[in-house]
Amino acid sequence: MTAAGAQPPLGAEAASRGILITGAAGGIGSALAREYAAPGVTLVLHARDASHLQPLAQACQAKGARVVVKGLDVRDTAALLDWLRYMSETMRLDLVVVNAGVNIHGKPDGSGEDWDEMQVLLDVNIRAALATVQGVLPAMRARGSGQIALMSSLAAQRGLPITPTYSASKAAVNAYGEGMRDWLGPQGIKVNVIMPGYVESKMCHDMPGPKPFLWTAEKAARVIRRGLDRNRARISFPFPLNFSCWFLGLAHPALSSWLLKRFGFGD
């Protein structure tokens, strides 16, 4: 396993597929790392605390992958950009999964979300996500190839009263990804938006309210990989919840509000 700041041996990436995943210690991030781990793959795994990546790194190495780990708070966008530019200069990043994210929700007493927590969420889910793209984009544009996967959510389709700021942040990521795909596609760069429903993770379990059609992280990772391989513009799942969220986004607000309350998502 290569240290976070050490330069990989010259030529080591020439025949290797480079995949960078931010937020790799989380449910979907770690499942994606395991899904892609194989001989001929270099995984660059990021988390706020690098120590949380050690078991994952060992598991991926056991499957034949080369692993680089990095501990970094993505809210420090200057440090994030420096690191991403450095990695882009020292190895070829073929796929970058912009996965780091957090969630918050209103208080049990009905007082709503905390402003300080809202600012952290917006910094991580939006500012850091866009900074990640900016950090790896120059190298991809210079060579005319690469793939960027942005982690949104089905919550982007219609704001949820229990997590309004999270919903807003994921809607922003979705819109950004759509625009970037149209801009970068002709330049040979693929951009995909991933919109999961409920996937097993600590963040998901900490979220209040029902969790219909809950998937395992491993199942989600397999579906995401297939969608990325096919360069699908939007990778959204599972179908029943995907369709429901799509309908809620189109329905009259009075109807969508009633349906949300009817199914346990009321305030």
C-alpha atoms as a PDB file:
ATOM      1  CA  MET A   1       0.000   0.000   0.000  1.00  0.00           C
ATOM      2  CA  THR A   2       1.382   3.355  -1.058  1.00  0.00           C
ATOM      3  CA  ALA A   3       1.450   6.195   1.448  1.00  0.00           C
ATOM      4  CA  ALA A   4      -0.879   9.109   0.790  1.00  0.00           C
ATOM      5  CA  GLY A   5       1.789  11.523  -0.397  1.00  0.00           C
ATOM      6  CA  ALA A   6       4.382   9.175  -1.848  1.00  0.00           C
ATOM      7  CA  GLN A   7       4.955   9.286  -5.591  1.00  0.00           C
ATOM      8  CA  PRO A   8       4.118   5.981  -7.300  1.00  0.00           C
ATOM      9  CA  PRO A   9       6.990   4.257  -9.102  1.00  0.00           C
ATOM     10  CA  LEU A  10       7.485   5.621 -12.623  1.00  0.00           C
ATOM     11  CA  GLY A  11       5.635   3.538 -15.157  1.00  0.00           C
ATOM     12  CA  ALA A  12       3.634   1.665 -12.532  1.00  0.00           C
ATOM     13  CA  GLU A  13       0.356   3.093 -13.818  1.00  0.00           C
ATOM     14  CA  ALA A  14       1.072   2.637 -17.516  1.00  0.00           C
ATOM     15  CA  ALA A  15      -0.835  -0.645 -17.696  1.00  0.00           C
ATOM     16  CA  SER A  16      -3.099   0.033 -14.744  1.00  0.00           C
ATOM     17  CA  ARG A  17      -6.578   1.479 -14.552  1.00  0.00           C
ATOM     18  CA  GLY A  18      -6.626   4.333 -12.049  1.00  0.00           C
ATOM     19  CA  ILE A  19      -9.790   4.789  -9.986  1.00  0.00           C
ATOM     20  CA  LEU A  20     -10.156   7.468  -7.321  1.00  0.00           C
ATOM     21  CA  ILE A  21     -13.029   7.323  -4.812  1.00  0.00           C
ATOM     22  CA  THR A  22     -13.697  10.065  -2.291  1.00  0.00           C
ATOM     23  CA  GLY A  23     -15.617   9.110   0.835  1.00  0.00           C
ATOM     24  CA  ALA A  24     -14.359   5.550   0.434  1.00  0.00           C
ATOM     25  CA  ALA A  25     -14.917   4.645   4.091  1.00  0.00           C
ATOM     26  CA  GLY A  26     -18.710   4.900   3.716  1.00  0.00           C
ATOM     27  CA  GLY A  27     -21.141   2.214   2.646  1.00  0.00           C
ATOM     28  CA  ILE A  28     -21.283   2.808  -1.109  1.00  0.00           C
ATOM     29  CA  GLY A  29     -17.696   4.060  -1.328  1.00  0.00           C
ATOM     30  CA  SER A  30     -16.195   0.984   0.308  1.00  0.00           C
ATOM     31  CA  ALA A  31     -18.450  -1.352  -1.692  1.00  0.00           C
ATOM     32  CA  LEU A  32     -17.327   0.315  -4.926  1.00  0.00           C
ATOM     33  CA  ALA A  33     -13.683  -0.067  -3.920  1.00  0.00           C
ATOM     34  CA  ARG A  34     -14.199  -3.791  -3.380  1.00  0.00           C
ATOM     35  CA  GLU A  35     -16.180  -4.053  -6.616  1.00  0.00           C
ATOM     36  CA  TYR A  36     -13.363  -2.556  -8.683  1.00  0.00           C
ATOM     37  CA  ALA A  37     -10.450  -4.145  -6.815  1.00  0.00           C
ATOM     38  CA  ALA A  38      -8.571  -6.472  -9.158  1.00  0.00           C
ATOM     39  CA  PRO A  39      -5.118  -7.008 -10.642  1.00  0.00           C
ATOM     40  CA  GLY A  40      -4.223  -4.155 -12.973  1.00  0.00           C
ATOM     41  CA  VAL A  41      -6.260  -1.612 -10.997  1.00  0.00           C
ATOM     42  CA  THR A  42      -4.831   1.170  -8.861  1.00  0.00           C
ATOM     43  CA  LEU A  43      -7.351   2.387  -6.295  1.00  0.00           C
ATOM     44  CA  VAL A  44      -6.914   5.811  -4.729  1.00  0.00           C
ATOM     45  CA  LEU A  45      -9.108   5.761  -1.629  1.00  0.00           C
ATOM     46  CA  HIS A  46      -9.961   8.895   0.320  1.00  0.00           C
ATOM     47  CA  ALA A  47     -11.557   9.433   3.715  1.00  0.00           C
ATOM     48  CA  ARG A  48     -11.469  12.196   6.283  1.00  0.00           C
ATOM     49  CA  ASP A  49      -9.504   9.852   8.566  1.00  0.00           C
ATOM     50  CA  ALA A  50      -7.083   7.579   6.701  1.00  0.00           C
ATOM     51  CA  SER A  51      -7.057   5.057   9.560  1.00  0.00           C
ATOM     52  CA  HIS A  52     -10.647   4.146   8.657  1.00  0.00           C
ATOM     53  CA  LEU A  53      -9.389   2.956   5.271  1.00  0.00           C
ATOM     54  CA  GLN A  54      -6.840   0.399   6.471  1.00  0.00           C
ATOM     55  CA  PRO A  55      -9.139  -2.683   6.552  1.00  0.00           C
ATOM     56  CA  LEU A  56     -10.625  -1.713   3.188  1.00  0.00           C
ATOM     57  CA  ALA A  57      -7.203  -1.176   1.657  1.00  0.00           C
ATOM     58  CA  GLN A  58      -6.052  -4.586   2.850  1.00  0.00           C
ATOM     59  CA  ALA A  59      -9.175  -6.249   1.433  1.00  0.00           C
ATOM     60  CA  CYS A  60      -8.628  -4.581  -1.937  1.00  0.00           C
ATOM     61  CA  GLN A  61      -4.957  -5.522  -1.972  1.00  0.00           C
ATOM     62  CA  ALA A  62      -5.945  -9.124  -1.282  1.00  0.00           C
ATOM     63  CA  LYS A  63      -7.943  -9.019  -4.531  1.00  0.00           C
ATOM     64  CA  GLY A  64      -4.838  -7.900  -6.420  1.00  0.00           C
ATOM     65  CA  ALA A  65      -5.343  -4.138  -6.571  1.00  0.00           C
ATOM     66  CA  ARG A  66      -2.679  -1.554  -5.859  1.00  0.00           C
ATOM     67  CA  VAL A  67      -3.970   0.877  -3.216  1.00  0.00           C
ATOM     68  CA  VAL A  68      -3.147   4.476  -2.336  1.00  0.00           C
ATOM     69  CA  VAL A  69      -4.892   5.987   0.694  1.00  0.00           C
ATOM     70  CA  LYS A  70      -5.400   9.611   1.659  1.00  0.00           C
ATOM     71  CA  GLY A  71      -6.832  11.228   4.772  1.00  0.00           C
ATOM     72  CA  LEU A  72      -8.197  14.716   4.126  1.00  0.00           C
ATOM     73  CA  ASP A  73     -11.101  16.908   5.200  1.00  0.00           C
ATOM     74  CA  VAL A  74     -12.664  17.849   1.859  1.00  0.00           C
ATOM     75  CA  ARG A  75     -13.897  21.129   3.348  1.00  0.00           C
ATOM     76  CA  ASP A  76     -10.288  22.301   2.997  1.00  0.00           C
ATOM     77  CA  THR A  77     -10.738  22.843  -0.724  1.00  0.00           C
ATOM     78  CA  ALA A  78      -7.259  24.316  -1.201  1.00  0.00           C
ATOM     79  CA  ALA A  79      -5.648  21.142   0.167  1.00  0.00           C
ATOM     80  CA  LEU A  80      -8.129  19.004  -1.753  1.00  0.00           C
ATOM     81  CA  LEU A  81      -7.292  20.695  -5.048  1.00  0.00           C
ATOM     82  CA  ASP A  82      -3.540  20.440  -4.415  1.00  0.00           C
ATOM     83  CA  TRP A  83      -3.819  16.715  -3.702  1.00  0.00           C
ATOM     84  CA  LEU A  84      -6.029  15.975  -6.711  1.00  0.00           C
ATOM     85  CA  ARG A  85      -3.737  17.887  -9.053  1.00  0.00           C
ATOM     86  CA  TYR A  86      -0.743  16.038  -7.636  1.00  0.00           C
ATOM     87  CA  MET A  87      -2.427  12.655  -8.131  1.00  0.00           C
ATOM     88  CA  SER A  88      -3.437  13.609 -11.664  1.00  0.00           C
ATOM     89  CA  GLU A  89       0.186  14.483 -12.446  1.00  0.00           C
ATOM     90  CA  THR A  90       1.679  11.297 -10.992  1.00  0.00           C
ATOM     91  CA  MET A  91      -0.830   8.783 -12.353  1.00  0.00           C
ATOM     92  CA  ARG A  92      -3.615   8.442 -14.873  1.00  0.00           C
ATOM     93  CA  LEU A  93      -7.039   8.722 -13.245  1.00  0.00           C
ATOM     94  CA  ASP A  94      -9.474   6.956 -15.547  1.00  0.00           C
ATOM     95  CA  LEU A  95     -12.474   7.091 -13.203  1.00  0.00           C
ATOM     96  CA  VAL A  96     -13.149   9.506 -10.367  1.00  0.00           C
ATOM     97  CA  VAL A  97     -16.134   8.794  -8.122  1.00  0.00           C
ATOM     98  CA  VAL A  98     -17.151  11.962  -6.274  1.00  0.00           C
ATOM     99  CA  ASN A  99     -18.758  10.191  -3.353  1.00  0.00           C
ATOM    100  CA  ALA A 100     -17.869  12.089  -0.162  1.00  0.00           C
ATOM    101  CA  GLY A 101     -21.018  13.369   1.491  1.00  0.00           C
ATOM    102  CA  VAL A 102     -22.890  13.910   4.739  1.00  0.00           C
ATOM    103  CA  ASN A 103     -26.529  14.115   5.791  1.00  0.00           C
ATOM    104  CA  ILE A 104     -28.378  16.017   8.491  1.00  0.00           C
ATOM    105  CA  HIS A 105     -32.004  16.175   9.544  1.00  0.00           C
ATOM    106  CA  GLY A 106     -34.380  18.175  11.644  1.00  0.00           C
ATOM    107  CA  LYS A 107     -34.425  17.836  15.419  1.00  0.00           C
ATOM    108  CA  PRO A 108     -36.931  15.542  17.185  1.00  0.00           C
ATOM    109  CA  ASP A 109     -38.496  18.570  18.888  1.00  0.00           C
ATOM    110  CA  GLY A 110     -39.503  19.963  15.492  1.00  0.00           C
ATOM    111  CA  SER A 111     -37.041  22.865  15.615  1.00  0.00           C
ATOM    112  CA  GLY A 112     -35.598  22.006  12.190  1.00  0.00           C
ATOM    113  CA  GLU A 113     -32.009  21.758  11.036  1.00  0.00           C
ATOM    114  CA  ASP A 114     -29.074  23.405  12.763  1.00  0.00           C
ATOM    115  CA  TRP A 115     -27.439  26.227  10.776  1.00  0.00           C
ATOM    116  CA  ASP A 116     -23.875  25.179  11.603  1.00  0.00           C
ATOM    117  CA  GLU A 117     -24.633  21.633  10.456  1.00  0.00           C
ATOM    118  CA  MET A 118     -26.240  22.985   7.291  1.00  0.00           C
ATOM    119  CA  GLN A 119     -23.066  24.879   6.426  1.00  0.00           C
ATOM    120  CA  VAL A 120     -20.947  21.751   6.901  1.00  0.00           C
ATOM    121  CA  LEU A 121     -23.292  19.771   4.660  1.00  0.00           C
ATOM    122  CA  LEU A 122     -23.222  22.392   1.911  1.00  0.00           C
ATOM    123  CA  ASP A 123     -19.424  22.603   2.101  1.00  0.00           C
ATOM    124  CA  VAL A 124     -19.033  18.833   1.790  1.00  0.00           C
ATOM    125  CA  ASN A 125     -21.861  17.941  -0.573  1.00  0.00           C
ATOM    126  CA  ILE A 126     -21.577  20.868  -2.989  1.00  0.00           C
ATOM    127  CA  ARG A 127     -18.363  22.912  -2.654  1.00  0.00           C
ATOM    128  CA  ALA A 128     -16.094  19.910  -2.157  1.00  0.00           C
ATOM    129  CA  ALA A 129     -17.853  17.889  -4.857  1.00  0.00           C
ATOM    130  CA  LEU A 130     -17.370  20.633  -7.434  1.00  0.00           C
ATOM    131  CA  ALA A 131     -13.794  21.197  -6.256  1.00  0.00           C
ATOM    132  CA  THR A 132     -13.067  17.497  -6.763  1.00  0.00           C
ATOM    133  CA  VAL A 133     -14.180  17.746 -10.366  1.00  0.00           C
ATOM    134  CA  GLN A 134     -12.090  20.877 -10.890  1.00  0.00           C
ATOM    135  CA  GLY A 135      -9.047  19.176  -9.393  1.00  0.00           C
ATOM    136  CA  VAL A 136      -9.036  16.226 -11.819  1.00  0.00           C
ATOM    137  CA  LEU A 137     -10.513  17.885 -14.895  1.00  0.00           C
ATOM    138  CA  PRO A 138      -7.439  19.628 -16.360  1.00  0.00           C
ATOM    139  CA  ALA A 139      -5.530  16.355 -16.792  1.00  0.00           C
ATOM    140  CA  MET A 140      -8.567  14.607 -18.292  1.00  0.00           C
ATOM    141  CA  ARG A 141      -9.158  17.435 -20.758  1.00  0.00           C
ATOM    142  CA  ALA A 142      -5.493  17.509 -21.718  1.00  0.00           C
ATOM    143  CA  ARG A 143      -5.545  13.858 -22.755  1.00  0.00           C
ATOM    144  CA  GLY A 144      -9.164  13.865 -23.997  1.00  0.00           C
ATOM    145  CA  SER A 145     -10.424  10.990 -21.863  1.00  0.00           C
ATOM    146  CA  GLY A 146     -11.670  10.117 -18.397  1.00  0.00           C
ATOM    147  CA  GLN A 147     -14.858   9.512 -16.472  1.00  0.00           C
ATOM    148  CA  ILE A 148     -16.360  11.406 -13.536  1.00  0.00           C
ATOM    149  CA  ALA A 149     -19.214   9.950 -11.480  1.00  0.00           C
ATOM    150  CA  LEU A 150     -21.085  12.338  -9.190  1.00  0.00           C
ATOM    151  CA  MET A 151     -23.021  10.927  -6.243  1.00  0.00           C
ATOM    152  CA  SER A 152     -26.463  12.520  -6.075  1.00  0.00           C
ATOM    153  CA  SER A 153     -29.579  10.884  -4.614  1.00  0.00           C
ATOM    154  CA  LEU A 154     -33.202  10.161  -5.418  1.00  0.00           C
ATOM    155  CA  ALA A 155     -33.865  12.878  -2.840  1.00  0.00           C
ATOM    156  CA  ALA A 156     -32.824  15.290  -5.591  1.00  0.00           C
ATOM    157  CA  GLN A 157     -36.105  14.590  -7.375  1.00  0.00           C
ATOM    158  CA  ARG A 158     -38.280  16.082  -4.643  1.00  0.00           C
ATOM    159  CA  GLY A 159     -37.244  17.762  -1.391  1.00  0.00           C
ATOM    160  CA  LEU A 160     -37.969  15.706   1.718  1.00  0.00           C
ATOM    161  CA  PRO A 161     -39.278  17.542   4.800  1.00  0.00           C
ATOM    162  CA  ILE A 162     -37.037  15.484   7.101  1.00  0.00           C
ATOM    163  CA  THR A 163     -33.851  16.310   5.138  1.00  0.00           C
ATOM    164  CA  PRO A 164     -34.460  19.492   3.112  1.00  0.00           C
ATOM    165  CA  THR A 165     -30.839  20.695   2.968  1.00  0.00           C
ATOM    166  CA  TYR A 166     -29.556  17.272   1.936  1.00  0.00           C
ATOM    167  CA  SER A 167     -32.211  17.138  -0.793  1.00  0.00           C
ATOM    168  CA  ALA A 168     -31.182  20.596  -2.003  1.00  0.00           C
ATOM    169  CA  SER A 169     -27.491  19.671  -2.097  1.00  0.00           C
ATOM    170  CA  LYS A 170     -28.145  16.538  -4.129  1.00  0.00           C
ATOM    171  CA  ALA A 171     -30.370  18.449  -6.543  1.00  0.00           C
ATOM    172  CA  ALA A 172     -27.459  20.844  -7.089  1.00  0.00           C
ATOM    173  CA  VAL A 173     -25.071  17.953  -7.772  1.00  0.00           C
ATOM    174  CA  ASN A 174     -27.558  16.452 -10.236  1.00  0.00           C
ATOM    175  CA  ALA A 175     -27.936  19.719 -12.169  1.00  0.00           C
ATOM    176  CA  TYR A 176     -24.164  20.252 -12.200  1.00  0.00           C
ATOM    177  CA  GLY A 177     -23.541  16.744 -13.491  1.00  0.00           C
ATOM    178  CA  GLU A 178     -26.101  17.123 -16.276  1.00  0.00           C
ATOM    179  CA  GLY A 179     -24.518  20.356 -17.469  1.00  0.00           C
ATOM    180  CA  MET A 180     -20.978  19.014 -17.250  1.00  0.00           C
ATOM    181  CA  ARG A 181     -21.909  15.873 -19.194  1.00  0.00           C
ATOM    182  CA  ASP A 182     -23.170  17.923 -22.129  1.00  0.00           C
ATOM    183  CA  TRP A 183     -20.113  20.179 -22.056  1.00  0.00           C
ATOM    184  CA  LEU A 184     -17.451  17.506 -21.641  1.00  0.00           C
ATOM    185  CA  GLY A 185     -18.916  14.678 -23.716  1.00  0.00           C
ATOM    186  CA  PRO A 186     -17.630  16.056 -27.038  1.00  0.00           C
ATOM    187  CA  GLN A 187     -14.175  16.321 -25.445  1.00  0.00           C
ATOM    188  CA  GLY A 188     -14.067  12.575 -24.718  1.00  0.00           C
ATOM    189  CA  ILE A 189     -14.868  12.862 -21.011  1.00  0.00           C
ATOM    190  CA  LYS A 190     -17.807  10.941 -19.571  1.00  0.00           C
ATOM    191  CA  VAL A 191     -19.843  12.416 -16.718  1.00  0.00           C
ATOM    192  CA  ASN A 192     -22.471  10.357 -14.911  1.00  0.00           C
ATOM    193  CA  VAL A 193     -24.862  11.152 -12.084  1.00  0.00           C
ATOM    194  CA  ILE A 194     -25.587   8.400  -9.565  1.00  0.00           C
ATOM    195  CA  MET A 195     -28.957   8.649  -7.795  1.00  0.00           C
ATOM    196  CA  PRO A 196     -29.342   5.890  -5.195  1.00  0.00           C
ATOM    197  CA  GLY A 197     -32.319   5.299  -2.994  1.00  0.00           C
ATOM    198  CA  TYR A 198     -31.779   3.838   0.468  1.00  0.00           C
ATOM    199  CA  VAL A 199     -28.522   1.892   0.729  1.00  0.00           C
ATOM    200  CA  GLU A 200     -27.265   0.244   3.906  1.00  0.00           C
ATOM    201  CA  SER A 201     -24.762   2.521   5.650  1.00  0.00           C
ATOM    202  CA  LYS A 202     -24.346   4.373   8.914  1.00  0.00           C
ATOM    203  CA  MET A 203     -25.541   7.575   7.287  1.00  0.00           C
ATOM    204  CA  CYS A 204     -28.671   5.852   6.026  1.00  0.00           C
ATOM    205  CA  HIS A 205     -29.468   4.220   9.355  1.00  0.00           C
ATOM    206  CA  ASP A 206     -28.980   7.517  11.198  1.00  0.00           C
ATOM    207  CA  MET A 207     -31.587   9.156   8.992  1.00  0.00           C
ATOM    208  CA  PRO A 208     -35.105   9.252  10.509  1.00  0.00           C
ATOM    209  CA  GLY A 209     -38.179   8.038   8.667  1.00  0.00           C
ATOM    210  CA  PRO A 210     -39.005   4.931   6.632  1.00  0.00           C
ATOM    211  CA  LYS A 211     -36.452   3.377   4.286  1.00  0.00           C
ATOM    212  CA  PRO A 212     -38.394   1.551   1.576  1.00  0.00           C
ATOM    213  CA  PHE A 213     -36.625  -0.796  -0.821  1.00  0.00           C
ATOM    214  CA  LEU A 214     -33.387  -0.749   1.202  1.00  0.00           C
ATOM    215  CA  TRP A 215     -30.473  -2.207  -0.768  1.00  0.00           C
ATOM    216  CA  THR A 216     -27.166  -3.601   0.390  1.00  0.00           C
ATOM    217  CA  ALA A 217     -24.126  -1.531  -0.511  1.00  0.00           C
ATOM    218  CA  GLU A 218     -22.726  -4.450  -2.500  1.00  0.00           C
ATOM    219  CA  LYS A 219     -25.838  -4.631  -4.701  1.00  0.00           C
ATOM    220  CA  ALA A 220     -25.718  -0.879  -5.239  1.00  0.00           C
ATOM    221  CA  ALA A 221     -22.032  -1.056  -6.233  1.00  0.00           C
ATOM    222  CA  ARG A 222     -22.727  -3.712  -8.868  1.00  0.00           C
ATOM    223  CA  VAL A 223     -25.526  -1.642 -10.407  1.00  0.00           C
ATOM    224  CA  ILE A 224     -23.396   1.510 -10.334  1.00  0.00           C
ATOM    225  CA  ARG A 225     -20.506  -0.237 -12.055  1.00  0.00           C
ATOM    226  CA  ARG A 226     -22.763  -1.563 -14.803  1.00  0.00           C
ATOM    227  CA  GLY A 227     -24.214   1.898 -15.335  1.00  0.00           C
ATOM    228  CA  LEU A 228     -20.772   3.497 -15.498  1.00  0.00           C
ATOM    229  CA  ASP A 229     -19.525   0.862 -17.923  1.00  0.00           C
ATOM    230  CA  ARG A 230     -22.479   1.725 -20.188  1.00  0.00           C
ATOM    231  CA  ASN A 231     -21.951   5.461 -19.694  1.00  0.00           C
ATOM    232  CA  ARG A 232     -25.505   6.024 -18.567  1.00  0.00           C
ATOM    233  CA  ALA A 233     -26.257   9.689 -17.942  1.00  0.00           C
ATOM    234  CA  ARG A 234     -28.237   8.895 -14.802  1.00  0.00           C
ATOM    235  CA  ILE A 235     -27.817   5.751 -12.713  1.00  0.00           C
ATOM    236  CA  SER A 236     -30.878   5.677 -10.458  1.00  0.00           C
ATOM    237  CA  PHE A 237     -32.242   2.800  -8.387  1.00  0.00           C
ATOM    238  CA  PRO A 238     -34.192   0.893  -7.177  1.00  0.00           C
ATOM    239  CA  PHE A 239     -36.903   1.109  -9.824  1.00  0.00           C
ATOM    240  CA  PRO A 240     -40.010   1.330  -7.590  1.00  0.00           C
ATOM    241  CA  LEU A 241     -38.548   4.143  -5.502  1.00  0.00           C
ATOM    242  CA  ASN A 242     -36.982   5.772  -8.550  1.00  0.00           C
ATOM    243  CA  PHE A 243     -40.361   5.918 -10.277  1.00  0.00           C
ATOM    244  CA  SER A 244     -42.058   7.203  -7.115  1.00  0.00           C
ATOM    245  CA  CYS A 245     -39.534  10.022  -6.672  1.00  0.00           C
ATOM    246  CA  TRP A 246     -39.798  10.937 -10.348  1.00  0.00           C
ATOM    247  CA  PHE A 247     -43.584  11.134 -10.014  1.00  0.00           C
ATOM    248  CA  LEU A 248     -43.352  13.228  -6.839  1.00  0.00           C
ATOM    249  CA  GLY A 249     -41.102  15.668  -8.668  1.00  0.00           C
ATOM    250  CA  LEU A 250     -43.688  16.096 -11.439  1.00  0.00           C
ATOM    251  CA  ALA A 251     -46.844  16.056  -9.318  1.00  0.00           C
ATOM    252  CA  HIS A 252     -48.625  19.158  -8.072  1.00  0.00           C
ATOM    253  CA  PRO A 253     -47.032  20.230  -4.746  1.00  0.00           C
ATOM    254  CA  ALA A 254     -50.302  19.663  -2.865  1.00  0.00           C
ATOM    255  CA  LEU A 255     -50.446  16.067  -4.107  1.00  0.00           C
ATOM    256  CA  SER A 256     -46.770  15.324  -3.524  1.00  0.00           C
ATOM    257  CA  SER A 257     -46.973  16.764   0.007  1.00  0.00           C
ATOM    258  CA  TRP A 258     -50.014  14.626   0.786  1.00  0.00           C
ATOM    259  CA  LEU A 259     -48.319  11.492  -0.556  1.00  0.00           C
ATOM    260  CA  LEU A 260     -45.163  12.129   1.452  1.00  0.00           C
ATOM    261  CA  LYS A 261     -47.143  12.463   4.666  1.00  0.00           C
ATOM    262  CA  ARG A 262     -49.236   9.442   3.778  1.00  0.00           C
ATOM    263  CA  PHE A 263     -46.103   7.297   3.550  1.00  0.00           C
ATOM    264  CA  GLY A 264     -44.454   8.577   6.717  1.00  0.00           C
ATOM    265  CA  PHE A 265     -42.240  11.376   5.396  1.00  0.00           C
ATOM    266  CA  GLY A 266     -44.206  14.228   6.924  1.00  0.00           C
ATOM    267  CA  ASP A 267     -42.643  16.876   9.160  1.00  0.00           C
END
